[in-house]
Amino acid sequence: MNNDILQELARILEERKQATPDSSYVASLYHKGLNKILEKVGEECTETLIAAKDAEASGKHEALVYETADLWFHTLVMLSHFNLRPESVLDELARRFNVSGHAEKAARATSQPSAE
């Protein structure tokens, strides 16, 4: 069921690419471009981190779930900007399943170009 939610959301995000900026929030993000989308991902990331710290102190997790949903949503918008679907990330997670985190990280360090 949850994968159905991701697929439906991906479909809607693709539709919003064709919409006018004043017709939807997502269309306005696409219209403003990648920098605005990245700004929102960063903002939601920060809000998620703060919610996690607050959850640690209070034992209440509602805000953490809410902010994580916002972060995931804006990350999906970012992926959609690059014509990537949620399945791309799910496939990568599946590839990593049963692979040691240390081994996966070491493999990334030797196989990917540096960010410099």
PDB file of N, CA and C in Angstrom:
ATOM      1  N   MET A   1       0.819  -1.197   0.000  1.00  0.00           N
ATOM      2  CA  MET A   1       0.000   0.000   0.000  1.00  0.00           C
ATOM      3  C   MET A   1       0.863   1.263   0.000  1.00  0.00           C
ATOM      4  N   ASN A   2       1.914   1.293   0.822  1.00  0.00           N
ATOM      5  CA  ASN A   2       2.736   2.487   0.894  1.00  0.00           C
ATOM      6  C   ASN A   2       3.463   2.766  -0.407  1.00  0.00           C
ATOM      7  N   ASN A   3       3.881   1.702  -1.114  1.00  0.00           N
ATOM      8  CA  ASN A   3       4.493   1.906  -2.417  1.00  0.00           C
ATOM      9  C   ASN A   3       3.483   2.509  -3.384  1.00  0.00           C
ATOM     10  N   ASP A   4       2.204   2.159  -3.233  1.00  0.00           N
ATOM     11  CA  ASP A   4       1.158   2.764  -4.051  1.00  0.00           C
ATOM     12  C   ASP A   4       1.100   4.272  -3.814  1.00  0.00           C
ATOM     13  N   ILE A   5       1.292   4.692  -2.579  1.00  0.00           N
ATOM     14  CA  ILE A   5       1.290   6.122  -2.255  1.00  0.00           C
ATOM     15  C   ILE A   5       2.433   6.813  -2.979  1.00  0.00           C
ATOM     16  N   LEU A   6       3.620   6.208  -2.947  1.00  0.00           N
ATOM     17  CA  LEU A   6       4.765   6.795  -3.644  1.00  0.00           C
ATOM     18  C   LEU A   6       4.522   6.874  -5.151  1.00  0.00           C
ATOM     19  N   GLN A   7       3.964   5.821  -5.722  1.00  0.00           N
ATOM     20  CA  GLN A   7       3.686   5.817  -7.163  1.00  0.00           C
ATOM     21  C   GLN A   7       2.657   6.880  -7.530  1.00  0.00           C
ATOM     22  N   GLU A   8       1.603   6.994  -6.732  1.00  0.00           N
ATOM     23  CA  GLU A   8       0.568   7.999  -7.004  1.00  0.00           C
ATOM     24  C   GLU A   8       1.144   9.407  -6.844  1.00  0.00           C
ATOM     25  N   LEU A   9       1.925   9.615  -5.817  1.00  0.00           N
ATOM     26  CA  LEU A   9       2.544  10.922  -5.615  1.00  0.00           C
ATOM     27  C   LEU A   9       3.481  11.257  -6.774  1.00  0.00           C
ATOM     28  N   ALA A  10       4.267  10.288  -7.227  1.00  0.00           N
ATOM     29  CA  ALA A  10       5.161  10.516  -8.370  1.00  0.00           C
ATOM     30  C   ALA A  10       4.361  10.898  -9.611  1.00  0.00           C
ATOM     31  N   ARG A  11       3.231  10.248  -9.811  1.00  0.00           N
ATOM     32  CA  ARG A  11       2.382  10.567 -10.964  1.00  0.00           C
ATOM     33  C   ARG A  11       1.873  12.004 -10.878  1.00  0.00           C
ATOM     34  N   ILE A  12       1.418  12.387  -9.703  1.00  0.00           N
ATOM     35  CA  ILE A  12       0.902  13.745  -9.508  1.00  0.00           C
ATOM     36  C   ILE A  12       2.017  14.779  -9.673  1.00  0.00           C
ATOM     37  N   LEU A  13       3.192  14.486  -9.143  1.00  0.00           N
ATOM     38  CA  LEU A  13       4.315  15.416  -9.293  1.00  0.00           C
ATOM     39  C   LEU A  13       4.650  15.626 -10.771  1.00  0.00           C
ATOM     40  N   GLU A  14       4.608  14.564 -11.549  1.00  0.00           N
ATOM     41  CA  GLU A  14       4.857  14.696 -12.992  1.00  0.00           C
ATOM     42  C   GLU A  14       3.792  15.567 -13.655  1.00  0.00           C
ATOM     43  N   GLU A  15       2.536  15.372 -13.276  1.00  0.00           N
ATOM     44  CA  GLU A  15       1.455  16.196 -13.821  1.00  0.00           C
ATOM     45  C   GLU A  15       1.665  17.668 -13.508  1.00  0.00           C
ATOM     46  N   ARG A  16       2.142  17.956 -12.316  1.00  0.00           N
ATOM     47  CA  ARG A  16       2.322  19.351 -11.892  1.00  0.00           C
ATOM     48  C   ARG A  16       3.383  20.082 -12.706  1.00  0.00           C
ATOM     49  N   LYS A  17       4.264  19.337 -13.357  1.00  0.00           N
ATOM     50  CA  LYS A  17       5.271  19.974 -14.208  1.00  0.00           C
ATOM     51  C   LYS A  17       4.618  20.750 -15.348  1.00  0.00           C
ATOM     52  N   GLN A  18       3.444  20.305 -15.767  1.00  0.00           N
ATOM     53  CA  GLN A  18       2.737  20.943 -16.876  1.00  0.00           C
ATOM     54  C   GLN A  18       1.765  22.022 -16.410  1.00  0.00           C
ATOM     55  N   ALA A  19       1.582  22.127 -15.113  1.00  0.00           N
ATOM     56  CA  ALA A  19       0.600  23.074 -14.567  1.00  0.00           C
ATOM     57  C   ALA A  19       1.189  24.477 -14.488  1.00  0.00           C
ATOM     58  N   THR A  20       0.309  25.452 -14.419  1.00  0.00           N
ATOM     59  CA  THR A  20       0.757  26.838 -14.274  1.00  0.00           C
ATOM     60  C   THR A  20       1.197  27.069 -12.830  1.00  0.00           C
ATOM     61  N   PRO A  21       2.169  27.961 -12.628  1.00  0.00           N
ATOM     62  CA  PRO A  21       2.708  28.187 -11.287  1.00  0.00           C
ATOM     63  C   PRO A  21       1.669  28.613 -10.258  1.00  0.00           C
ATOM     64  N   ASP A  22       0.632  29.298 -10.691  1.00  0.00           N
ATOM     65  CA  ASP A  22      -0.373  29.751  -9.727  1.00  0.00           C
ATOM     66  C   ASP A  22      -1.435  28.687  -9.437  1.00  0.00           C
ATOM     67  N   SER A  23      -1.347  27.549 -10.113  1.00  0.00           N
ATOM     68  CA  SER A  23      -2.368  26.515  -9.925  1.00  0.00           C
ATOM     69  C   SER A  23      -2.037  25.534  -8.805  1.00  0.00           C
ATOM     70  N   SER A  24      -0.747  25.419  -8.442  1.00  0.00           N
ATOM     71  CA  SER A  24      -0.385  24.505  -7.354  1.00  0.00           C
ATOM     72  C   SER A  24       0.968  24.882  -6.774  1.00  0.00           C
ATOM     73  N   TYR A  25       1.155  24.500  -5.539  1.00  0.00           N
ATOM     74  CA  TYR A  25       2.416  24.748  -4.845  1.00  0.00           C
ATOM     75  C   TYR A  25       3.572  24.076  -5.576  1.00  0.00           C
ATOM     76  N   VAL A  26       3.397  22.812  -5.955  1.00  0.00           N
ATOM     77  CA  VAL A  26       4.461  22.067  -6.631  1.00  0.00           C
ATOM     78  C   VAL A  26       4.787  22.705  -7.977  1.00  0.00           C
ATOM     79  N   ALA A  27       3.769  23.102  -8.716  1.00  0.00           N
ATOM     80  CA  ALA A  27       4.018  23.765 -10.001  1.00  0.00           C
ATOM     81  C   ALA A  27       4.816  25.043  -9.793  1.00  0.00           C
ATOM     82  N   SER A  28       4.536  25.760  -8.709  1.00  0.00           N
ATOM     83  CA  SER A  28       5.295  26.986  -8.439  1.00  0.00           C
ATOM     84  C   SER A  28       6.748  26.660  -8.114  1.00  0.00           C
ATOM     85  N   LEU A  29       6.999  25.552  -7.420  1.00  0.00           N
ATOM     86  CA  LEU A  29       8.382  25.146  -7.151  1.00  0.00           C
ATOM     87  C   LEU A  29       9.110  24.813  -8.446  1.00  0.00           C
ATOM     88  N   TYR A  30       8.466  24.027  -9.309  1.00  0.00           N
ATOM     89  CA  TYR A  30       9.091  23.696 -10.596  1.00  0.00           C
ATOM     90  C   TYR A  30       9.386  24.967 -11.388  1.00  0.00           C
ATOM     91  N   HIS A  31       8.453  25.883 -11.378  1.00  0.00           N
ATOM     92  CA  HIS A  31       8.607  27.130 -12.132  1.00  0.00           C
ATOM     93  C   HIS A  31       9.788  27.951 -11.602  1.00  0.00           C
ATOM     94  N   LYS A  32       9.984  27.937 -10.284  1.00  0.00           N
ATOM     95  CA  LYS A  32      11.078  28.712  -9.681  1.00  0.00           C
ATOM     96  C   LYS A  32      12.435  28.058  -9.896  1.00  0.00           C
ATOM     97  N   GLY A  33      12.434  26.779 -10.208  1.00  0.00           N
ATOM     98  CA  GLY A  33      13.671  26.109 -10.568  1.00  0.00           C
ATOM     99  C   GLY A  33      14.333  25.325  -9.454  1.00  0.00           C
ATOM    100  N   LEU A  34      15.445  24.701  -9.821  1.00  0.00           N
ATOM    101  CA  LEU A  34      16.140  23.794  -8.924  1.00  0.00           C
ATOM    102  C   LEU A  34      16.582  24.472  -7.641  1.00  0.00           C
ATOM    103  N   ASN A  35      17.098  25.685  -7.707  1.00  0.00           N
ATOM    104  CA  ASN A  35      17.579  26.332  -6.487  1.00  0.00           C
ATOM    105  C   ASN A  35      16.477  26.469  -5.443  1.00  0.00           C
ATOM    106  N   LYS A  36      15.273  26.807  -5.869  1.00  0.00           N
ATOM    107  CA  LYS A  36      14.156  26.928  -4.923  1.00  0.00           C
ATOM    108  C   LYS A  36      13.784  25.560  -4.353  1.00  0.00           C
ATOM    109  N   ILE A  37      13.792  24.546  -5.207  1.00  0.00           N
ATOM    110  CA  ILE A  37      13.487  23.188  -4.744  1.00  0.00           C
ATOM    111  C   ILE A  37      14.528  22.758  -3.711  1.00  0.00           C
ATOM    112  N   LEU A  38      15.800  23.007  -3.984  1.00  0.00           N
ATOM    113  CA  LEU A  38      16.865  22.639  -3.054  1.00  0.00           C
ATOM    114  C   LEU A  38      16.763  23.426  -1.751  1.00  0.00           C
ATOM    115  N   GLU A  39      16.379  24.687  -1.853  1.00  0.00           N
ATOM    116  CA  GLU A  39      16.168  25.503  -0.658  1.00  0.00           C
ATOM    117  C   GLU A  39      15.107  24.862   0.234  1.00  0.00           C
ATOM    118  N   LYS A  40      14.024  24.391  -0.374  1.00  0.00           N
ATOM    119  CA  LYS A  40      12.955  23.748   0.407  1.00  0.00           C
ATOM    120  C   LYS A  40      13.437  22.435   1.012  1.00  0.00           C
ATOM    121  N   VAL A  41      14.218  21.646   0.267  1.00  0.00           N
ATOM    122  CA  VAL A  41      14.746  20.399   0.826  1.00  0.00           C
ATOM    123  C   VAL A  41      15.621  20.715   2.037  1.00  0.00           C
ATOM    124  N   GLY A  42      16.479  21.716   1.908  1.00  0.00           N
ATOM    125  CA  GLY A  42      17.333  22.107   3.024  1.00  0.00           C
ATOM    126  C   GLY A  42      16.546  22.595   4.225  1.00  0.00           C
ATOM    127  N   GLU A  43      15.534  23.400   3.957  1.00  0.00           N
ATOM    128  CA  GLU A  43      14.672  23.909   5.036  1.00  0.00           C
ATOM    129  C   GLU A  43      13.982  22.763   5.758  1.00  0.00           C
ATOM    130  N   GLU A  44      13.430  21.830   4.990  1.00  0.00           N
ATOM    131  CA  GLU A  44      12.725  20.704   5.603  1.00  0.00           C
ATOM    132  C   GLU A  44      13.693  19.793   6.347  1.00  0.00           C
ATOM    133  N   CYS A  45      14.915  19.661   5.845  1.00  0.00           N
ATOM    134  CA  CYS A  45      15.924  18.863   6.527  1.00  0.00           C
ATOM    135  C   CYS A  45      16.217  19.463   7.899  1.00  0.00           C
ATOM    136  N   THR A  46      16.417  20.770   7.933  1.00  0.00           N
ATOM    137  CA  THR A  46      16.690  21.453   9.203  1.00  0.00           C
ATOM    138  C   THR A  46      15.520  21.287  10.168  1.00  0.00           C
ATOM    139  N   GLU A  47      14.299  21.457   9.670  1.00  0.00           N
ATOM    140  CA  GLU A  47      13.126  21.308  10.530  1.00  0.00           C
ATOM    141  C   GLU A  47      12.994  19.880  11.057  1.00  0.00           C
ATOM    142  N   THR A  48      13.385  18.902  10.241  1.00  0.00           N
ATOM    143  CA  THR A  48      13.350  17.503  10.685  1.00  0.00           C
ATOM    144  C   THR A  48      14.374  17.258  11.785  1.00  0.00           C
ATOM    145  N   LEU A  49      15.553  17.812  11.624  1.00  0.00           N
ATOM    146  CA  LEU A  49      16.589  17.661  12.645  1.00  0.00           C
ATOM    147  C   LEU A  49      16.155  18.281  13.979  1.00  0.00           C
ATOM    148  N   ILE A  50      15.560  19.455  13.904  1.00  0.00           N
ATOM    149  CA  ILE A  50      15.079  20.117  15.118  1.00  0.00           C
ATOM    150  C   ILE A  50      13.970  19.290  15.766  1.00  0.00           C
ATOM    151  N   ALA A  51      13.077  18.764  14.950  1.00  0.00           N
ATOM    152  CA  ALA A  51      11.992  17.929  15.486  1.00  0.00           C
ATOM    153  C   ALA A  51      12.550  16.674  16.150  1.00  0.00           C
ATOM    154  N   ALA A  52      13.620  16.112  15.584  1.00  0.00           N
ATOM    155  CA  ALA A  52      14.233  14.923  16.191  1.00  0.00           C
ATOM    156  C   ALA A  52      14.841  15.264  17.539  1.00  0.00           C
ATOM    157  N   LYS A  53      15.511  16.404  17.614  1.00  0.00           N
ATOM    158  CA  LYS A  53      16.077  16.827  18.899  1.00  0.00           C
ATOM    159  C   LYS A  53      14.971  17.067  19.923  1.00  0.00           C
ATOM    160  N   ASP A  54      13.884  17.703  19.490  1.00  0.00           N
ATOM    161  CA  ASP A  54      12.754  17.946  20.384  1.00  0.00           C
ATOM    162  C   ASP A  54      12.109  16.631  20.822  1.00  0.00           C
ATOM    163  N   ALA A  55      12.021  15.667  19.899  1.00  0.00           N
ATOM    164  CA  ALA A  55      11.431  14.361  20.237  1.00  0.00           C
ATOM    165  C   ALA A  55      12.289  13.633  21.264  1.00  0.00           C
ATOM    166  N   GLU A  56      13.589  13.780  21.133  1.00  0.00           N
ATOM    167  CA  GLU A  56      14.498  13.152  22.097  1.00  0.00           C
ATOM    168  C   GLU A  56      14.248  13.703  23.492  1.00  0.00           C
ATOM    169  N   ALA A  57      14.060  15.017  23.571  1.00  0.00           N
ATOM    170  CA  ALA A  57      13.868  15.671  24.870  1.00  0.00           C
ATOM    171  C   ALA A  57      12.478  15.428  25.448  1.00  0.00           C
ATOM    172  N   SER A  58      11.460  15.412  24.569  1.00  0.00           N
ATOM    173  CA  SER A  58      10.077  15.348  25.058  1.00  0.00           C
ATOM    174  C   SER A  58       9.471  13.948  25.037  1.00  0.00           C
ATOM    175  N   GLY A  59      10.012  13.073  24.200  1.00  0.00           N
ATOM    176  CA  GLY A  59       9.414  11.746  24.029  1.00  0.00           C
ATOM    177  C   GLY A  59       8.205  11.758  23.110  1.00  0.00           C
ATOM    178  N   LYS A  60       7.885  12.924  22.542  1.00  0.00           N
ATOM    179  CA  LYS A  60       6.750  13.052  21.623  1.00  0.00           C
ATOM    180  C   LYS A  60       7.281  13.070  20.191  1.00  0.00           C
ATOM    181  N   HIS A  61       6.649  12.262  19.334  1.00  0.00           N
ATOM    182  CA  HIS A  61       7.179  12.053  17.992  1.00  0.00           C
ATOM    183  C   HIS A  61       6.318  12.614  16.864  1.00  0.00           C
ATOM    184  N   GLU A  62       5.201  13.223  17.189  1.00  0.00           N
ATOM    185  CA  GLU A  62       4.289  13.689  16.143  1.00  0.00           C
ATOM    186  C   GLU A  62       4.961  14.686  15.204  1.00  0.00           C
ATOM    187  N   ALA A  63       5.661  15.664  15.764  1.00  0.00           N
ATOM    188  CA  ALA A  63       6.311  16.681  14.925  1.00  0.00           C
ATOM    189  C   ALA A  63       7.410  16.062  14.073  1.00  0.00           C
ATOM    190  N   LEU A  64       8.092  15.060  14.603  1.00  0.00           N
ATOM    191  CA  LEU A  64       9.141  14.393  13.834  1.00  0.00           C
ATOM    192  C   LEU A  64       8.558  13.680  12.621  1.00  0.00           C
ATOM    193  N   VAL A  65       7.445  13.005  12.807  1.00  0.00           N
ATOM    194  CA  VAL A  65       6.788  12.326  11.685  1.00  0.00           C
ATOM    195  C   VAL A  65       6.312  13.355  10.660  1.00  0.00           C
ATOM    196  N   TYR A  66       5.709  14.431  11.124  1.00  0.00           N
ATOM    197  CA  TYR A  66       5.199  15.484  10.244  1.00  0.00           C
ATOM    198  C   TYR A  66       6.337  16.097   9.423  1.00  0.00           C
ATOM    199  N   GLU A  67       7.421  16.448  10.085  1.00  0.00           N
ATOM    200  CA  GLU A  67       8.540  17.090   9.386  1.00  0.00           C
ATOM    201  C   GLU A  67       9.243  16.113   8.443  1.00  0.00           C
ATOM    202  N   THR A  68       9.317  14.844   8.836  1.00  0.00           N
ATOM    203  CA  THR A  68       9.907  13.850   7.943  1.00  0.00           C
ATOM    204  C   THR A  68       9.065  13.691   6.684  1.00  0.00           C
ATOM    205  N   ALA A  69       7.745  13.744   6.836  1.00  0.00           N
ATOM    206  CA  ALA A  69       6.868  13.684   5.659  1.00  0.00           C
ATOM    207  C   ALA A  69       7.137  14.876   4.735  1.00  0.00           C
ATOM    208  N   ASP A  70       7.303  16.060   5.315  1.00  0.00           N
ATOM    209  CA  ASP A  70       7.638  17.238   4.502  1.00  0.00           C
ATOM    210  C   ASP A  70       8.970  17.056   3.786  1.00  0.00           C
ATOM    211  N   LEU A  71       9.964  16.521   4.503  1.00  0.00           N
ATOM    212  CA  LEU A  71      11.278  16.288   3.900  1.00  0.00           C
ATOM    213  C   LEU A  71      11.186  15.286   2.762  1.00  0.00           C
ATOM    214  N   TRP A  72      10.507  14.178   2.988  1.00  0.00           N
ATOM    215  CA  TRP A  72      10.357  13.177   1.930  1.00  0.00           C
ATOM    216  C   TRP A  72       9.644  13.773   0.729  1.00  0.00           C
ATOM    217  N   PHE A  73       8.580  14.531   0.990  1.00  0.00           N
ATOM    218  CA  PHE A  73       7.817  15.137  -0.102  1.00  0.00           C
ATOM    219  C   PHE A  73       8.711  16.027  -0.955  1.00  0.00           C
ATOM    220  N   HIS A  74       9.433  16.927  -0.311  1.00  0.00           N
ATOM    221  CA  HIS A  74      10.267  17.858  -1.082  1.00  0.00           C
ATOM    222  C   HIS A  74      11.430  17.146  -1.764  1.00  0.00           C
ATOM    223  N   THR A  75      11.908  16.054  -1.171  1.00  0.00           N
ATOM    224  CA  THR A  75      12.928  15.244  -1.825  1.00  0.00           C
ATOM    225  C   THR A  75      12.355  14.582  -3.072  1.00  0.00           C
ATOM    226  N   LEU A  76      11.111  14.142  -3.002  1.00  0.00           N
ATOM    227  CA  LEU A  76      10.460  13.574  -4.191  1.00  0.00           C
ATOM    228  C   LEU A  76      10.293  14.630  -5.281  1.00  0.00           C
ATOM    229  N   VAL A  77       9.984  15.868  -4.901  1.00  0.00           N
ATOM    230  CA  VAL A  77       9.908  16.953  -5.877  1.00  0.00           C
ATOM    231  C   VAL A  77      11.273  17.136  -6.534  1.00  0.00           C
ATOM    232  N   MET A  78      12.331  17.111  -5.748  1.00  0.00           N
ATOM    233  CA  MET A  78      13.687  17.247  -6.275  1.00  0.00           C
ATOM    234  C   MET A  78      14.002  16.118  -7.253  1.00  0.00           C
ATOM    235  N   LEU A  79      13.706  14.885  -6.872  1.00  0.00           N
ATOM    236  CA  LEU A  79      13.944  13.760  -7.773  1.00  0.00           C
ATOM    237  C   LEU A  79      13.148  13.910  -9.061  1.00  0.00           C
ATOM    238  N   SER A  80      11.904  14.325  -8.930  1.00  0.00           N
ATOM    239  CA  SER A  80      11.046  14.512 -10.095  1.00  0.00           C
ATOM    240  C   SER A  80      11.606  15.584 -11.028  1.00  0.00           C
ATOM    241  N   HIS A  81      12.204  16.607 -10.460  1.00  0.00           N
ATOM    242  CA  HIS A  81      12.839  17.651 -11.275  1.00  0.00           C
ATOM    243  C   HIS A  81      13.847  17.032 -12.242  1.00  0.00           C
ATOM    244  N   PHE A  82      14.524  15.978 -11.786  1.00  0.00           N
ATOM    245  CA  PHE A  82      15.515  15.280 -12.607  1.00  0.00           C
ATOM    246  C   PHE A  82      14.922  14.080 -13.344  1.00  0.00           C
ATOM    247  N   ASN A  83      13.587  14.006 -13.378  1.00  0.00           N
ATOM    248  CA  ASN A  83      12.880  12.906 -14.033  1.00  0.00           C
ATOM    249  C   ASN A  83      13.208  11.542 -13.420  1.00  0.00           C
ATOM    250  N   LEU A  84      13.453  11.554 -12.125  1.00  0.00           N
ATOM    251  CA  LEU A  84      13.681  10.312 -11.392  1.00  0.00           C
ATOM    252  C   LEU A  84      12.445   9.984 -10.574  1.00  0.00           C
ATOM    253  N   ARG A  85      12.143   8.705 -10.488  1.00  0.00           N
ATOM    254  CA  ARG A  85      10.971   8.259  -9.750  1.00  0.00           C
ATOM    255  C   ARG A  85      11.404   7.655  -8.406  1.00  0.00           C
ATOM    256  N   PRO A  86      10.485   7.555  -7.465  1.00  0.00           N
ATOM    257  CA  PRO A  86      10.818   6.964  -6.161  1.00  0.00           C
ATOM    258  C   PRO A  86      11.427   5.566  -6.281  1.00  0.00           C
ATOM    259  N   GLU A  87      11.037   4.833  -7.307  1.00  0.00           N
ATOM    260  CA  GLU A  87      11.560   3.482  -7.506  1.00  0.00           C
ATOM    261  C   GLU A  87      13.080   3.478  -7.659  1.00  0.00           C
ATOM    262  N   SER A  88      13.640   4.554  -8.177  1.00  0.00           N
ATOM    263  CA  SER A  88      15.096   4.634  -8.313  1.00  0.00           C
ATOM    264  C   SER A  88      15.762   4.542  -6.948  1.00  0.00           C
ATOM    265  N   VAL A  89      15.211   5.235  -5.971  1.00  0.00           N
ATOM    266  CA  VAL A  89      15.760   5.211  -4.617  1.00  0.00           C
ATOM    267  C   VAL A  89      15.454   3.866  -3.965  1.00  0.00           C
ATOM    268  N   LEU A  90      14.243   3.361  -4.151  1.00  0.00           N
ATOM    269  CA  LEU A  90      13.891   2.062  -3.578  1.00  0.00           C
ATOM    270  C   LEU A  90      14.783   0.958  -4.142  1.00  0.00           C
ATOM    271  N   ASP A  91      15.079   1.030  -5.440  1.00  0.00           N
ATOM    272  CA  ASP A  91      15.980   0.043  -6.057  1.00  0.00           C
ATOM    273  C   ASP A  91      17.377   0.122  -5.448  1.00  0.00           C
ATOM    274  N   GLU A  92      17.845   1.337  -5.192  1.00  0.00           N
ATOM    275  CA  GLU A  92      19.165   1.499  -4.580  1.00  0.00           C
ATOM    276  C   GLU A  92      19.158   0.952  -3.156  1.00  0.00           C
ATOM    277  N   LEU A  93      18.101   1.205  -2.413  1.00  0.00           N
ATOM    278  CA  LEU A  93      18.005   0.640  -1.068  1.00  0.00           C
ATOM    279  C   LEU A  93      17.968  -0.888  -1.113  1.00  0.00           C
ATOM    280  N   ALA A  94      17.241  -1.432  -2.080  1.00  0.00           N
ATOM    281  CA  ALA A  94      17.181  -2.887  -2.227  1.00  0.00           C
ATOM    282  C   ALA A  94      18.554  -3.447  -2.576  1.00  0.00           C
ATOM    283  N   ARG A  95      19.303  -2.747  -3.407  1.00  0.00           N
ATOM    284  CA  ARG A  95      20.647  -3.194  -3.772  1.00  0.00           C
ATOM    285  C   ARG A  95      21.538  -3.281  -2.538  1.00  0.00           C
ATOM    286  N   ARG A  96      21.345  -2.353  -1.616  1.00  0.00           N
ATOM    287  CA  ARG A  96      22.176  -2.297  -0.410  1.00  0.00           C
ATOM    288  C   ARG A  96      21.741  -3.297   0.656  1.00  0.00           C
ATOM    289  N   PHE A  97      20.562  -3.877   0.497  1.00  0.00           N
ATOM    290  CA  PHE A  97      20.047  -4.800   1.500  1.00  0.00           C
ATOM    291  C   PHE A  97      20.998  -5.980   1.626  1.00  0.00           C
ATOM    292  N   ASN A  98      21.276  -6.370   2.848  1.00  0.00           N
ATOM    293  CA  ASN A  98      22.195  -7.467   3.155  1.00  0.00           C
ATOM    294  C   ASN A  98      23.643  -7.161   2.778  1.00  0.00           C
ATOM    295  N   VAL A  99      23.959  -5.883   2.585  1.00  0.00           N
ATOM    296  CA  VAL A  99      25.337  -5.465   2.368  1.00  0.00           C
ATOM    297  C   VAL A  99      25.754  -4.701   3.614  1.00  0.00           C
ATOM    298  N   SER A 100      26.892  -5.044   4.137  1.00  0.00           N
ATOM    299  CA  SER A 100      27.393  -4.342   5.313  1.00  0.00           C
ATOM    300  C   SER A 100      27.489  -2.853   5.037  1.00  0.00           C
ATOM    301  N   GLY A 101      27.035  -2.040   5.969  1.00  0.00           N
ATOM    302  CA  GLY A 101      27.133  -0.594   5.812  1.00  0.00           C
ATOM    303  C   GLY A 101      28.573  -0.143   5.634  1.00  0.00           C
ATOM    304  N   HIS A 102      29.491  -0.785   6.333  1.00  0.00           N
ATOM    305  CA  HIS A 102      30.902  -0.435   6.189  1.00  0.00           C
ATOM    306  C   HIS A 102      31.403  -0.786   4.787  1.00  0.00           C
ATOM    307  N   ALA A 103      31.008  -1.951   4.292  1.00  0.00           N
ATOM    308  CA  ALA A 103      31.432  -2.368   2.952  1.00  0.00           C
ATOM    309  C   ALA A 103      30.812  -1.468   1.885  1.00  0.00           C
ATOM    310  N   GLU A 104      29.551  -1.113   2.064  1.00  0.00           N
ATOM    311  CA  GLU A 104      28.888  -0.246   1.078  1.00  0.00           C
ATOM    312  C   GLU A 104      29.557   1.113   1.048  1.00  0.00           C
ATOM    313  N   LYS A 105      29.856   1.663   2.198  1.00  0.00           N
ATOM    314  CA  LYS A 105      30.502   2.979   2.259  1.00  0.00           C
ATOM    315  C   LYS A 105      31.895   2.921   1.643  1.00  0.00           C
ATOM    316  N   ALA A 106      32.637   1.883   1.912  1.00  0.00           N
ATOM    317  CA  ALA A 106      33.977   1.727   1.335  1.00  0.00           C
ATOM    318  C   ALA A 106      33.897   1.612  -0.178  1.00  0.00           C
ATOM    319  N   ALA A 107      32.910   0.891  -0.684  1.00  0.00           N
ATOM    320  CA  ALA A 107      32.745   0.747  -2.130  1.00  0.00           C
ATOM    321  C   ALA A 107      32.413   2.089  -2.778  1.00  0.00           C
ATOM    322  N   ARG A 108      31.587   2.892  -2.106  1.00  0.00           N
ATOM    323  CA  ARG A 108      31.271   4.215  -2.630  1.00  0.00           C
ATOM    324  C   ARG A 108      32.508   5.095  -2.703  1.00  0.00           C
ATOM    325  N   ALA A 109      33.361   5.014  -1.686  1.00  0.00           N
ATOM    326  CA  ALA A 109      34.552   5.856  -1.628  1.00  0.00           C
ATOM    327  C   ALA A 109      35.504   5.566  -2.770  1.00  0.00           C
ATOM    328  N   THR A 110      35.529   4.326  -3.249  1.00  0.00           N
ATOM    329  CA  THR A 110      36.457   3.970  -4.322  1.00  0.00           C
ATOM    330  C   THR A 110      35.834   4.041  -5.705  1.00  0.00           C
ATOM    331  N   SER A 111      34.483   4.069  -5.782  1.00  0.00           N
ATOM    332  CA  SER A 111      33.852   4.002  -7.100  1.00  0.00           C
ATOM    333  C   SER A 111      33.215   5.307  -7.556  1.00  0.00           C
ATOM    334  N   GLN A 112      33.066   6.287  -6.669  1.00  0.00           N
ATOM    335  CA  GLN A 112      32.409   7.519  -7.049  1.00  0.00           C
ATOM    336  C   GLN A 112      33.415   8.655  -7.079  1.00  0.00           C
ATOM    337  N   PRO A 113      33.226   9.571  -8.054  1.00  0.00           N
ATOM    338  CA  PRO A 113      34.117  10.733  -8.084  1.00  0.00           C
ATOM    339  C   PRO A 113      33.884  11.621  -6.880  1.00  0.00           C
ATOM    340  N   SER A 114      34.904  12.329  -6.480  1.00  0.00           N
ATOM    341  CA  SER A 114      34.760  13.216  -5.317  1.00  0.00           C
ATOM    342  C   SER A 114      33.862  14.400  -5.667  1.00  0.00           C
ATOM    343  N   ALA A 115      33.342  15.065  -4.643  1.00  0.00           N
ATOM    344  CA  ALA A 115      32.443  16.193  -4.837  1.00  0.00           C
ATOM    345  C   ALA A 115      33.218  17.487  -5.076  1.00  0.00           C
ATOM    346  N   GLU A 116      34.540  17.415  -5.126  1.00  0.00           N
ATOM    347  CA  GLU A 116      35.345  18.630  -5.308  1.00  0.00           C
ATOM    348  C   GLU A 116      35.277  19.129  -6.712  1.00  0.00           C
TER     349      GLU A 116
END
